[in-house]
C-alpha atoms as a PDB file:
ATOM      1  CA  MET A   1       0.000   0.000   0.000  1.00  0.00           C
ATOM      2  CA  THR A   2       1.359   3.425  -0.971  1.00  0.00           C
ATOM      3  CA  ALA A   3       1.748   6.285   1.491  1.00  0.00           C
ATOM      4  CA  ASP A   4      -1.133   8.133  -0.230  1.00  0.00           C
ATOM      5  CA  ALA A   5      -3.403   5.132   0.163  1.00  0.00           C
ATOM      6  CA  LYS A   6      -2.523   4.859   3.860  1.00  0.00           C
ATOM      7  CA  ASP A   7      -3.338   8.558   4.380  1.00  0.00           C
ATOM      8  CA  ARG A   8      -6.717   8.082   2.651  1.00  0.00           C
ATOM      9  CA  ASN A   9      -7.542   5.330   5.146  1.00  0.00           C
ATOM     10  CA  LYS A  10      -6.828   7.509   8.190  1.00  0.00           C
ATOM     11  CA  PRO A  11      -9.784   9.123   9.981  1.00  0.00           C
ATOM     12  CA  SER A  12     -10.204  12.831   9.321  1.00  0.00           C
ATOM     13  CA  ILE A  13     -10.887  15.462  11.946  1.00  0.00           C
ATOM     14  CA  ARG A  14     -14.272  16.106  10.321  1.00  0.00           C
ATOM     15  CA  GLN A  15     -15.238  12.437  10.564  1.00  0.00           C
ATOM     16  CA  LEU A  16     -14.278  12.404  14.244  1.00  0.00           C
ATOM     17  CA  GLU A  17     -16.432  15.496  14.800  1.00  0.00           C
ATOM     18  CA  TYR A  18     -19.320  13.686  13.089  1.00  0.00           C
ATOM     19  CA  PHE A  19     -18.831  10.720  15.407  1.00  0.00           C
ATOM     20  CA  VAL A  20     -18.975  12.873  18.545  1.00  0.00           C
ATOM     21  CA  THR A  21     -22.040  14.802  17.335  1.00  0.00           C
ATOM     22  CA  ILE A  22     -23.985  11.584  16.678  1.00  0.00           C
ATOM     23  CA  ALA A  23     -22.901  10.174  20.041  1.00  0.00           C
ATOM     24  CA  LEU A  24     -24.228  13.271  21.807  1.00  0.00           C
ATOM     25  CA  SER A  25     -27.451  13.389  19.767  1.00  0.00           C
ATOM     26  CA  SER A  26     -28.146   9.617  19.787  1.00  0.00           C
ATOM     27  CA  ASN A  27     -29.760  10.156  16.405  1.00  0.00           C
ATOM     28  CA  PHE A  28     -28.346  10.413  12.865  1.00  0.00           C
ATOM     29  CA  ARG A  29     -31.121  12.742  11.672  1.00  0.00           C
ATOM     30  CA  LYS A  30     -30.663  15.217  14.570  1.00  0.00           C
ATOM     31  CA  ALA A  31     -26.889  15.081  14.187  1.00  0.00           C
ATOM     32  CA  ALA A  32     -27.151  15.849  10.463  1.00  0.00           C
ATOM     33  CA  GLN A  33     -29.280  18.914  11.273  1.00  0.00           C
ATOM     34  CA  VAL A  34     -26.732  20.121  13.862  1.00  0.00           C
ATOM     35  CA  LEU A  35     -23.903  19.624  11.369  1.00  0.00           C
ATOM     36  CA  ASN A  36     -25.925  21.164   8.518  1.00  0.00           C
ATOM     37  CA  ILE A  37     -25.297  18.231   6.173  1.00  0.00           C
ATOM     38  CA  SER A  38     -27.582  15.612   4.669  1.00  0.00           C
ATOM     39  CA  GLN A  39     -28.267  12.401   6.540  1.00  0.00           C
ATOM     40  CA  PRO A  40     -26.974  10.197   3.672  1.00  0.00           C
ATOM     41  CA  THR A  41     -23.703  12.143   3.677  1.00  0.00           C
ATOM     42  CA  LEU A  42     -23.354  11.689   7.429  1.00  0.00           C
ATOM     43  CA  THR A  43     -24.142   7.972   7.199  1.00  0.00           C
ATOM     44  CA  SER A  44     -21.591   7.575   4.425  1.00  0.00           C
ATOM     45  CA  GLN A  45     -18.855   9.391   6.353  1.00  0.00           C
ATOM     46  CA  ILE A  46     -19.427   7.278   9.469  1.00  0.00           C
ATOM     47  CA  ALA A  47     -19.180   4.151   7.344  1.00  0.00           C
ATOM     48  CA  VAL A  48     -15.820   5.380   6.022  1.00  0.00           C
ATOM     49  CA  LEU A  49     -14.694   6.117   9.592  1.00  0.00           C
ATOM     50  CA  GLU A  50     -15.735   2.672  10.815  1.00  0.00           C
ATOM     51  CA  ASP A  51     -13.878   1.099   7.905  1.00  0.00           C
ATOM     52  CA  ALA A  52     -10.724   3.095   8.725  1.00  0.00           C
ATOM     53  CA  LEU A  53     -10.892   2.186  12.432  1.00  0.00           C
ATOM     54  CA  LYS A  54     -11.983  -1.412  11.753  1.00  0.00           C
ATOM     55  CA  VAL A  55     -14.690  -1.184  14.456  1.00  0.00           C
ATOM     56  CA  LYS A  56     -18.452  -0.711  14.582  1.00  0.00           C
ATOM     57  CA  LEU A  57     -19.168   2.577  16.342  1.00  0.00           C
ATOM     58  CA  PHE A  58     -22.970   2.578  16.628  1.00  0.00           C
ATOM     59  CA  GLU A  59     -25.876   0.197  17.083  1.00  0.00           C
ATOM     60  CA  ARG A  60     -29.384   1.092  15.951  1.00  0.00           C
ATOM     61  CA  SER A  61     -32.408   0.168  18.045  1.00  0.00           C
ATOM     62  CA  ARG A  62     -35.958   1.353  18.700  1.00  0.00           C
ATOM     63  CA  ALA A  63     -34.536   3.651  21.380  1.00  0.00           C
ATOM     64  CA  GLY A  64     -32.407   5.393  18.777  1.00  0.00           C
ATOM     65  CA  THR A  65     -28.743   5.290  17.860  1.00  0.00           C
ATOM     66  CA  LEU A  66     -26.614   3.808  20.614  1.00  0.00           C
ATOM     67  CA  LEU A  67     -22.852   3.661  20.957  1.00  0.00           C
ATOM     68  CA  SER A  68     -21.328   0.228  20.547  1.00  0.00           C
ATOM     69  CA  PRO A  69     -18.959  -1.007  23.285  1.00  0.00           C
ATOM     70  CA  ALA A  70     -16.029   0.056  21.075  1.00  0.00           C
ATOM     71  CA  GLY A  71     -17.685   3.422  20.467  1.00  0.00           C
ATOM     72  CA  ARG A  72     -18.112   4.030  24.205  1.00  0.00           C
ATOM     73  CA  GLU A  73     -14.406   3.405  24.771  1.00  0.00           C
ATOM     74  CA  LEU A  74     -13.357   5.664  21.910  1.00  0.00           C
ATOM     75  CA  LEU A  75     -15.667   8.607  22.658  1.00  0.00           C
ATOM     76  CA  PRO A  76     -13.667  10.221  25.533  1.00  0.00           C
ATOM     77  CA  LEU A  77     -10.409   9.761  23.606  1.00  0.00           C
ATOM     78  CA  VAL A  78     -11.849  11.366  20.476  1.00  0.00           C
ATOM     79  CA  ARG A  79     -13.296  14.295  22.454  1.00  0.00           C
ATOM     80  CA  GLN A  80      -9.911  14.881  24.093  1.00  0.00           C
ATOM     81  CA  LEU A  81      -8.213  14.746  20.673  1.00  0.00           C
ATOM     82  CA  LEU A  82     -10.642  17.298  19.233  1.00  0.00           C
ATOM     83  CA  GLU A  83     -10.123  19.637  22.203  1.00  0.00           C
ATOM     84  CA  GLN A  84      -6.350  19.459  21.740  1.00  0.00           C
ATOM     85  CA  TYR A  85      -6.752  20.068  17.996  1.00  0.00           C
ATOM     86  CA  GLN A  86      -8.808  23.204  18.753  1.00  0.00           C
ATOM     87  CA  GLN A  87      -6.143  24.375  21.194  1.00  0.00           C
ATOM     88  CA  VAL A  88      -3.543  24.079  18.421  1.00  0.00           C
ATOM     89  CA  LEU A  89      -5.714  26.210  16.121  1.00  0.00           C
ATOM     90  CA  ASP A  90      -6.390  28.766  18.876  1.00  0.00           C
ATOM     91  CA  HIS A  91      -2.706  29.031  19.767  1.00  0.00           C
ATOM     92  CA  ALA A  92      -1.709  29.444  16.112  1.00  0.00           C
ATOM     93  CA  ASP A  93      -4.387  32.105  15.665  1.00  0.00           C
ATOM     94  CA  SER A  94      -3.301  34.088  18.721  1.00  0.00           C
ATOM     95  CA  SER A  95       0.370  33.755  17.731  1.00  0.00           C
ATOM     96  CA  ARG A  96      -0.375  35.483  14.422  1.00  0.00           C
ATOM     97  CA  LYS A  97      -1.792  38.499  16.198  1.00  0.00           C
ATOM     98  CA  GLU A  98       0.095  41.020  18.248  1.00  0.00           C
ATOM     99  CA  LEU A  99      -1.321  41.240  21.735  1.00  0.00           C
ATOM    100  CA  SER A 100      -3.304  44.419  22.105  1.00  0.00           C
ATOM    101  CA  GLY A 101      -6.162  45.826  24.126  1.00  0.00           C
ATOM    102  CA  THR A 102      -6.782  47.159  27.628  1.00  0.00           C
ATOM    103  CA  PHE A 103      -7.338  44.679  30.468  1.00  0.00           C
ATOM    104  CA  LYS A 104      -7.832  44.828  34.235  1.00  0.00           C
ATOM    105  CA  ILE A 105      -5.378  42.607  36.101  1.00  0.00           C
ATOM    106  CA  GLY A 106      -5.559  41.613  39.761  1.00  0.00           C
ATOM    107  CA  VAL A 107      -2.402  40.522  41.624  1.00  0.00           C
ATOM    108  CA  SER A 108      -1.572  39.492  45.171  1.00  0.00           C
ATOM    109  CA  PRO A 109       0.373  42.063  47.235  1.00  0.00           C
ATOM    110  CA  THR A 110       2.806  39.329  48.294  1.00  0.00           C
ATOM    111  CA  ILE A 111       3.906  38.747  44.678  1.00  0.00           C
ATOM    112  CA  GLY A 112       2.969  41.787  42.554  1.00  0.00           C
ATOM    113  CA  PRO A 113       5.579  44.336  43.692  1.00  0.00           C
ATOM    114  CA  TYR A 114       8.427  41.814  43.592  1.00  0.00           C
ATOM    115  CA  LEU A 115       7.656  40.103  40.299  1.00  0.00           C
ATOM    116  CA  PHE A 116       5.025  41.823  38.219  1.00  0.00           C
ATOM    117  CA  SER A 117       6.742  45.193  38.000  1.00  0.00           C
ATOM    118  CA  LYS A 118       9.681  43.580  36.168  1.00  0.00           C
ATOM    119  CA  VAL A 119       7.431  41.342  34.088  1.00  0.00           C
ATOM    120  CA  LEU A 120       5.346  44.350  32.987  1.00  0.00           C
ATOM    121  CA  ILE A 121       8.418  46.079  31.583  1.00  0.00           C
ATOM    122  CA  GLU A 122       9.260  43.074  29.425  1.00  0.00           C
ATOM    123  CA  LEU A 123       5.628  42.553  28.367  1.00  0.00           C
ATOM    124  CA  HIS A 124       5.444  46.178  27.235  1.00  0.00           C
ATOM    125  CA  LYS A 125       8.605  45.745  25.170  1.00  0.00           C
ATOM    126  CA  ARG A 126       7.073  42.731  23.427  1.00  0.00           C
ATOM    127  CA  TYR A 127       3.542  44.111  23.042  1.00  0.00           C
ATOM    128  CA  PRO A 128       3.483  47.932  23.099  1.00  0.00           C
ATOM    129  CA  GLN A 129      -0.238  47.943  22.214  1.00  0.00           C
ATOM    130  CA  LEU A 130      -1.111  45.912  25.327  1.00  0.00           C
ATOM    131  CA  LYS A 131      -2.397  48.020  28.250  1.00  0.00           C
ATOM    132  CA  LEU A 132      -2.710  46.402  31.679  1.00  0.00           C
ATOM    133  CA  HIS A 133      -4.372  48.160  34.615  1.00  0.00           C
ATOM    134  CA  VAL A 134      -3.008  46.411  37.715  1.00  0.00           C
ATOM    135  CA  ARG A 135      -4.669  46.390  41.137  1.00  0.00           C
ATOM    136  CA  GLU A 136      -3.644  44.457  44.232  1.00  0.00           C
ATOM    137  CA  GLY A 137      -5.945  42.295  46.320  1.00  0.00           C
ATOM    138  CA  VAL A 138      -5.830  39.313  48.675  1.00  0.00           C
ATOM    139  CA  PRO A 139      -6.607  35.937  47.033  1.00  0.00           C
ATOM    140  CA  GLN A 140     -10.269  35.672  48.060  1.00  0.00           C
ATOM    141  CA  GLU A 141     -10.955  39.213  46.874  1.00  0.00           C
ATOM    142  CA  LEU A 142      -9.198  38.495  43.589  1.00  0.00           C
ATOM    143  CA  GLU A 143     -11.361  35.428  42.917  1.00  0.00           C
ATOM    144  CA  GLN A 144     -14.550  37.250  43.838  1.00  0.00           C
ATOM    145  CA  GLY A 145     -13.525  40.201  41.685  1.00  0.00           C
ATOM    146  CA  LEU A 146     -12.850  37.914  38.735  1.00  0.00           C
ATOM    147  CA  ASP A 147     -16.300  36.325  39.097  1.00  0.00           C
ATOM    148  CA  ARG A 148     -17.951  39.773  39.270  1.00  0.00           C
ATOM    149  CA  GLY A 149     -16.040  41.091  36.266  1.00  0.00           C
ATOM    150  CA  ASP A 150     -13.932  43.550  38.265  1.00  0.00           C
ATOM    151  CA  TYR A 151     -10.868  41.847  36.769  1.00  0.00           C
ATOM    152  CA  ASP A 152     -10.307  40.269  33.378  1.00  0.00           C
ATOM    153  CA  PHE A 153      -7.380  38.202  34.586  1.00  0.00           C
ATOM    154  CA  ILE A 154      -5.752  37.511  37.958  1.00  0.00           C
ATOM    155  CA  LEU A 155      -2.447  36.246  39.294  1.00  0.00           C
ATOM    156  CA  THR A 156      -2.973  34.336  42.513  1.00  0.00           C
ATOM    157  CA  MET A 157      -1.963  31.211  44.427  1.00  0.00           C
ATOM    158  CA  LEU A 158      -3.385  27.752  44.952  1.00  0.00           C
ATOM    159  CA  PRO A 159      -5.719  26.658  46.319  1.00  0.00           C
ATOM    160  CA  MET A 160      -8.483  28.377  44.362  1.00  0.00           C
ATOM    161  CA  HIS A 161     -12.091  27.942  45.442  1.00  0.00           C
ATOM    162  CA  SER A 162     -14.007  28.434  42.192  1.00  0.00           C
ATOM    163  CA  SER A 163     -14.163  25.717  39.533  1.00  0.00           C
ATOM    164  CA  GLU A 164     -15.796  28.090  37.037  1.00  0.00           C
ATOM    165  CA  ASN A 165     -12.560  29.753  35.948  1.00  0.00           C
ATOM    166  CA  ARG A 166      -9.670  28.621  33.781  1.00  0.00           C
ATOM    167  CA  VAL A 167      -6.505  28.102  35.826  1.00  0.00           C
ATOM    168  CA  ARG A 168      -3.039  27.992  34.263  1.00  0.00           C
ATOM    169  CA  PRO A 169       0.007  27.034  36.357  1.00  0.00           C
ATOM    170  CA  LEU A 170       2.855  29.532  36.301  1.00  0.00           C
ATOM    171  CA  PHE A 171       5.625  28.487  38.705  1.00  0.00           C
ATOM    172  CA  ILE A 172       6.480  27.351  42.214  1.00  0.00           C
ATOM    173  CA  GLU A 173       8.059  29.803  44.662  1.00  0.00           C
ATOM    174  CA  PRO A 174      10.033  28.610  47.706  1.00  0.00           C
ATOM    175  CA  ILE A 175       9.282  29.986  51.175  1.00  0.00           C
ATOM    176  CA  SER A 176      12.169  30.364  53.626  1.00  0.00           C
ATOM    177  CA  LEU A 177      12.559  31.146  57.312  1.00  0.00           C
ATOM    178  CA  VAL A 178      13.858  34.631  58.158  1.00  0.00           C
ATOM    179  CA  MET A 179      15.170  35.671  61.566  1.00  0.00           C
ATOM    180  CA  SER A 180      17.319  38.270  63.243  1.00  0.00           C
ATOM    181  CA  ARG A 181      20.999  37.334  63.436  1.00  0.00           C
ATOM    182  CA  ASP A 182      20.605  37.728  67.204  1.00  0.00           C
ATOM    183  CA  HIS A 183      17.918  35.072  67.391  1.00  0.00           C
ATOM    184  CA  PRO A 184      18.948  31.745  69.025  1.00  0.00           C
ATOM    185  CA  LEU A 185      17.956  29.766  65.901  1.00  0.00           C
ATOM    186  CA  ALA A 186      20.352  31.881  63.823  1.00  0.00           C
ATOM    187  CA  GLN A 187      23.250  30.302  65.716  1.00  0.00           C
ATOM    188  CA  LYS A 188      22.452  26.869  64.283  1.00  0.00           C
ATOM    189  CA  ASP A 189      24.132  25.568  61.121  1.00  0.00           C
ATOM    190  CA  GLU A 190      20.884  23.993  59.926  1.00  0.00           C
ATOM    191  CA  LEU A 191      17.262  23.780  61.016  1.00  0.00           C
ATOM    192  CA  VAL A 192      14.644  21.033  61.043  1.00  0.00           C
ATOM    193  CA  GLY A 193      10.925  21.198  61.699  1.00  0.00           C
ATOM    194  CA  LYS A 194      11.170  20.326  65.375  1.00  0.00           C
ATOM    195  CA  ASP A 195      13.328  23.436  65.919  1.00  0.00           C
ATOM    196  CA  LEU A 196      10.107  25.429  65.530  1.00  0.00           C
ATOM    197  CA  TYR A 197       8.790  24.048  68.819  1.00  0.00           C
ATOM    198  CA  ASN A 198       7.528  26.853  71.050  1.00  0.00           C
ATOM    199  CA  GLN A 199       8.871  29.548  68.700  1.00  0.00           C
ATOM    200  CA  GLU A 200       7.026  32.840  68.116  1.00  0.00           C
ATOM    201  CA  VAL A 201       6.223  32.887  64.384  1.00  0.00           C
ATOM    202  CA  LEU A 202       5.082  36.188  62.867  1.00  0.00           C
ATOM    203  CA  THR A 203       2.575  35.883  60.017  1.00  0.00           C
ATOM    204  CA  MET A 204       0.541  37.795  57.474  1.00  0.00           C
ATOM    205  CA  ASP A 205      -3.083  38.410  58.421  1.00  0.00           C
ATOM    206  CA  GLU A 206      -5.672  35.686  57.896  1.00  0.00           C
ATOM    207  CA  ARG A 207      -6.841  36.960  54.496  1.00  0.00           C
ATOM    208  CA  HIS A 208      -3.618  35.742  52.909  1.00  0.00           C
ATOM    209  CA  HIS A 209      -2.913  32.183  51.749  1.00  0.00           C
ATOM    210  CA  LEU A 210       0.530  32.579  53.290  1.00  0.00           C
ATOM    211  CA  HIS A 211      -1.017  32.931  56.755  1.00  0.00           C
ATOM    212  CA  ARG A 212      -3.001  29.693  56.451  1.00  0.00           C
ATOM    213  CA  GLN A 213      -0.008  27.840  55.067  1.00  0.00           C
ATOM    214  CA  ILE A 214       2.288  28.901  57.923  1.00  0.00           C
ATOM    215  CA  ALA A 215      -0.402  28.483  60.592  1.00  0.00           C
ATOM    216  CA  THR A 216      -0.770  24.839  59.525  1.00  0.00           C
ATOM    217  CA  LEU A 217       3.000  24.375  59.744  1.00  0.00           C
ATOM    218  CA  CYS A 218       3.081  25.949  63.221  1.00  0.00           C
ATOM    219  CA  GLU A 219       0.310  23.661  64.409  1.00  0.00           C
ATOM    220  CA  ARG A 220       2.227  20.626  63.218  1.00  0.00           C
ATOM    221  CA  TYR A 221       5.408  21.603  65.081  1.00  0.00           C
ATOM    222  CA  THR A 222       3.724  23.265  68.112  1.00  0.00           C
ATOM    223  CA  ALA A 223       4.978  26.749  67.282  1.00  0.00           C
ATOM    224  CA  HIS A 224       2.983  29.896  68.092  1.00  0.00           C
ATOM    225  CA  ALA A 225       1.535  31.649  65.027  1.00  0.00           C
ATOM    226  CA  GLN A 226       1.191  35.233  66.250  1.00  0.00           C
ATOM    227  CA  ARG A 227      -2.298  36.386  65.242  1.00  0.00           C
ATOM    228  CA  ARG A 228      -2.106  39.368  67.602  1.00  0.00           C
ATOM    229  CA  PHE A 229       0.716  40.920  65.571  1.00  0.00           C
ATOM    230  CA  ALA A 230      -0.393  39.637  62.151  1.00  0.00           C
ATOM    231  CA  SER A 231       0.830  41.943  59.403  1.00  0.00           C
ATOM    232  CA  ASN A 232      -0.889  43.142  56.244  1.00  0.00           C
ATOM    233  CA  SER A 233       2.394  43.519  54.335  1.00  0.00           C
ATOM    234  CA  LEU A 234       5.674  41.688  53.960  1.00  0.00           C
ATOM    235  CA  ASN A 235       7.602  44.907  54.593  1.00  0.00           C
ATOM    236  CA  THR A 236       5.952  45.310  58.000  1.00  0.00           C
ATOM    237  CA  LEU A 237       6.625  41.652  58.738  1.00  0.00           C
ATOM    238  CA  LYS A 238      10.272  42.203  57.899  1.00  0.00           C
ATOM    239  CA  GLN A 239      10.537  45.163  60.289  1.00  0.00           C
ATOM    240  CA  MET A 240       9.112  43.093  63.143  1.00  0.00           C
ATOM    241  CA  VAL A 241      11.680  40.381  62.444  1.00  0.00           C
ATOM    242  CA  ILE A 242      14.466  42.997  62.454  1.00  0.00           C
ATOM    243  CA  MET A 243      13.242  44.047  65.918  1.00  0.00           C
ATOM    244  CA  ASN A 244      13.539  40.398  66.956  1.00  0.00           C
ATOM    245  CA  MET A 245       9.828  40.105  67.803  1.00  0.00           C
ATOM    246  CA  GLY A 246       9.827  36.626  66.317  1.00  0.00           C
ATOM    247  CA  ILE A 247      10.745  34.647  63.216  1.00  0.00           C
ATOM    248  CA  ALA A 248       8.810  34.632  59.931  1.00  0.00           C
ATOM    249  CA  PHE A 249       8.422  32.591  56.768  1.00  0.00           C
ATOM    250  CA  MET A 250       8.774  34.753  53.677  1.00  0.00           C
ATOM    251  CA  PRO A 251       8.469  34.111  49.925  1.00  0.00           C
ATOM    252  CA  GLY A 252      11.632  33.681  47.891  1.00  0.00           C
ATOM    253  CA  LEU A 253      10.968  36.581  45.496  1.00  0.00           C
ATOM    254  CA  TYR A 254      10.470  38.981  48.392  1.00  0.00           C
ATOM    255  CA  ILE A 255      13.662  37.776  50.047  1.00  0.00           C
ATOM    256  CA  HIS A 256      15.536  38.235  46.767  1.00  0.00           C
ATOM    257  CA  ALA A 257      14.189  41.783  46.299  1.00  0.00           C
ATOM    258  CA  ARG A 258      14.017  43.206  49.824  1.00  0.00           C
ATOM    259  CA  ILE A 259      16.317  41.469  52.289  1.00  0.00           C
ATOM    260  CA  MET A 260      19.837  42.874  52.279  1.00  0.00           C
ATOM    261  CA  GLU A 261      22.983  42.055  54.236  1.00  0.00           C
ATOM    262  CA  GLU A 262      22.689  45.292  56.187  1.00  0.00           C
ATOM    263  CA  ASP A 263      19.283  44.233  57.531  1.00  0.00           C
ATOM    264  CA  GLN A 264      21.094  41.857  59.885  1.00  0.00           C
ATOM    265  CA  LEU A 265      18.724  39.056  58.976  1.00  0.00           C
ATOM    266  CA  LYS A 266      19.503  35.410  58.354  1.00  0.00           C
ATOM    267  CA  VAL A 267      17.608  33.285  55.829  1.00  0.00           C
ATOM    268  CA  MET A 268      17.425  29.524  56.351  1.00  0.00           C
ATOM    269  CA  ASP A 269      15.409  26.547  55.083  1.00  0.00           C
ATOM    270  CA  LEU A 270      14.171  23.592  57.076  1.00  0.00           C
ATOM    271  CA  ARG A 271      16.197  20.556  56.092  1.00  0.00           C
ATOM    272  CA  ASP A 272      13.255  18.164  56.439  1.00  0.00           C
ATOM    273  CA  GLU A 273      10.436  20.433  55.233  1.00  0.00           C
ATOM    274  CA  LYS A 274      10.132  21.920  51.736  1.00  0.00           C
ATOM    275  CA  ILE A 275       7.792  24.902  51.972  1.00  0.00           C
ATOM    276  CA  ARG A 276       6.540  26.276  48.672  1.00  0.00           C
ATOM    277  CA  ARG A 277       3.562  27.951  47.060  1.00  0.00           C
ATOM    278  CA  THR A 278       2.187  27.536  43.542  1.00  0.00           C
ATOM    279  CA  HIS A 279       1.342  30.629  41.503  1.00  0.00           C
ATOM    280  CA  VAL A 280      -1.342  30.512  38.826  1.00  0.00           C
ATOM    281  CA  ALA A 281      -3.059  32.754  36.320  1.00  0.00           C
ATOM    282  CA  SER A 282      -6.832  32.598  36.076  1.00  0.00           C
ATOM    283  CA  TRP A 283      -9.584  34.001  33.863  1.00  0.00           C
ATOM    284  CA  ARG A 284     -13.247  33.260  33.146  1.00  0.00           C
ATOM    285  CA  LYS A 285     -13.666  30.203  30.932  1.00  0.00           C
ATOM    286  CA  ASN A 286     -15.965  31.982  28.487  1.00  0.00           C
ATOM    287  CA  ALA A 287     -14.173  35.345  28.439  1.00  0.00           C
ATOM    288  CA  PRO A 288     -14.116  36.789  24.881  1.00  0.00           C
ATOM    289  CA  SER A 289     -10.348  37.370  25.145  1.00  0.00           C
ATOM    290  CA  ARG A 290      -9.548  33.987  26.733  1.00  0.00           C
ATOM    291  CA  HIS A 291      -7.132  33.067  23.949  1.00  0.00           C
ATOM    292  CA  LEU A 292      -5.186  36.266  24.554  1.00  0.00           C
ATOM    293  CA  PHE A 293      -5.126  35.525  28.289  1.00  0.00           C
ATOM    294  CA  GLN A 294      -3.707  32.099  27.499  1.00  0.00           C
ATOM    295  CA  LYS A 295      -0.863  33.764  25.630  1.00  0.00           C
ATOM    296  CA  ILE A 296      -0.330  36.469  28.267  1.00  0.00           C
ATOM    297  CA  SER A 297      -0.084  33.825  30.998  1.00  0.00           C
ATOM    298  CA  TYR A 298       2.455  31.896  28.916  1.00  0.00           C
ATOM    299  CA  ASP A 299       4.556  35.035  28.461  1.00  0.00           C
ATOM    300  CA  ILE A 300       4.350  35.900  32.178  1.00  0.00           C
ATOM    301  CA  LYS A 301       5.544  32.411  33.024  1.00  0.00           C
ATOM    302  CA  THR A 302       8.459  32.397  30.562  1.00  0.00           C
ATOM    303  CA  ILE A 303       9.584  35.935  31.475  1.00  0.00           C
ATOM    304  CA  ALA A 304       9.461  35.141  35.209  1.00  0.00           C
ATOM    305  CA  MET A 305      11.383  31.898  34.768  1.00  0.00           C
ATOM    306  CA  GLU A 306      14.038  33.732  32.739  1.00  0.00           C
ATOM    307  CA  LEU A 307      14.367  36.573  35.275  1.00  0.00           C
ATOM    308  CA  PHE A 308      14.378  34.341  38.369  1.00  0.00           C
ATOM    309  CA  ASP A 309      15.563  30.949  37.150  1.00  0.00           C
ATOM    310  CA  ASP A 310      17.618  30.509  40.341  1.00  0.00           C
ATOM    311  CA  ILE A 311      14.533  30.967  42.550  1.00  0.00           C
ATOM    312  CA  LEU A 312      11.430  29.695  40.777  1.00  0.00           C
ATOM    313  CA  GLU A 313      10.609  26.105  39.838  1.00  0.00           C
ATOM    314  CA  GLU A 314       8.483  24.607  37.079  1.00  0.00           C
ATOM    315  CA  VAL A 315       5.075  23.210  38.038  1.00  0.00           C
ATOM    316  CA  ASN A 316       4.623  19.487  37.477  1.00  0.00           C
ATOM    317  CA  THR A 317       1.001  19.432  36.298  1.00  0.00           C
ATOM    318  CA  GLU A 318       0.888  15.634  36.227  1.00  0.00           C
ATOM    319  CA  ASP A 319       1.259  15.498  40.016  1.00  0.00           C
ATOM    320  CA  ASN A 320      -1.168  18.338  40.729  1.00  0.00           C
ATOM    321  CA  PRO A 321      -4.902  17.534  40.755  1.00  0.00           C
ATOM    322  CA  ASP A 322      -5.784  21.236  40.385  1.00  0.00           C
ATOM    323  CA  PHE A 323      -4.714  21.073  36.738  1.00  0.00           C
ATOM    324  CA  LYS A 324      -6.387  17.793  35.787  1.00  0.00           C
END
């Protein structure tokens, strides 16, 4: 058999679309109306598809057109293939167009000033017609604002509470322990989780994901998460650590941007505990500009990884159920 003959025997994307439409309609006549083709044409194309796949896809009965056992097994695979095919077309379409337009972006105050300012400069160089109005908000407010339409696009952290929005992983940021050089823990060469026992741990206020993450860690190691002195900014948290009011866990990008040698602070990691947070971009699934947001999120990720390749880590989506 020649290569041309083999290609003629392969299923076409259109035939696969016909198969899915019939499966969802359970009726050849209704499917033909949806597809705007004649029923004989549809029947003929399905026969060609069945011949190419060497399986019977449908069974006809008084109840209508039913999927065969082989058809039931193939349906989810074909739907996934068609979705991926559409993603290829959407990506190619958006790649042909220069990003432009004006959009409202929401960012967390624990990441925006230390990452997004640099990313914005590079984005503007690449897409001078793209205008982004940036406003800070805590994660819950960002999600609520996205649902209400206050934002077109947000940068936030996992976990997210709404399943109605598209979520794209960006990167993983490490979180390290920061303390005054006069603190007893600073005299140790390395730290483990049990060293947190009975320690005063300063935190962000409860509206921040970072607070909940560290409060859980403190509970596990019987440390004291200081709610009384909870801060609403990382800069305030840093000043309290400088005054030796306690120790604090701070994000890697903040440490990179704001903690200097002259601050007399020491940064350490727990040897037996890897503390990290996952950053994501999110937008409404049916947003008219969703394909542009897909591209913007990809650019934000690549720019950030280039700027901070020694700090940030790639997200392994296969191990993360939030991206299934």
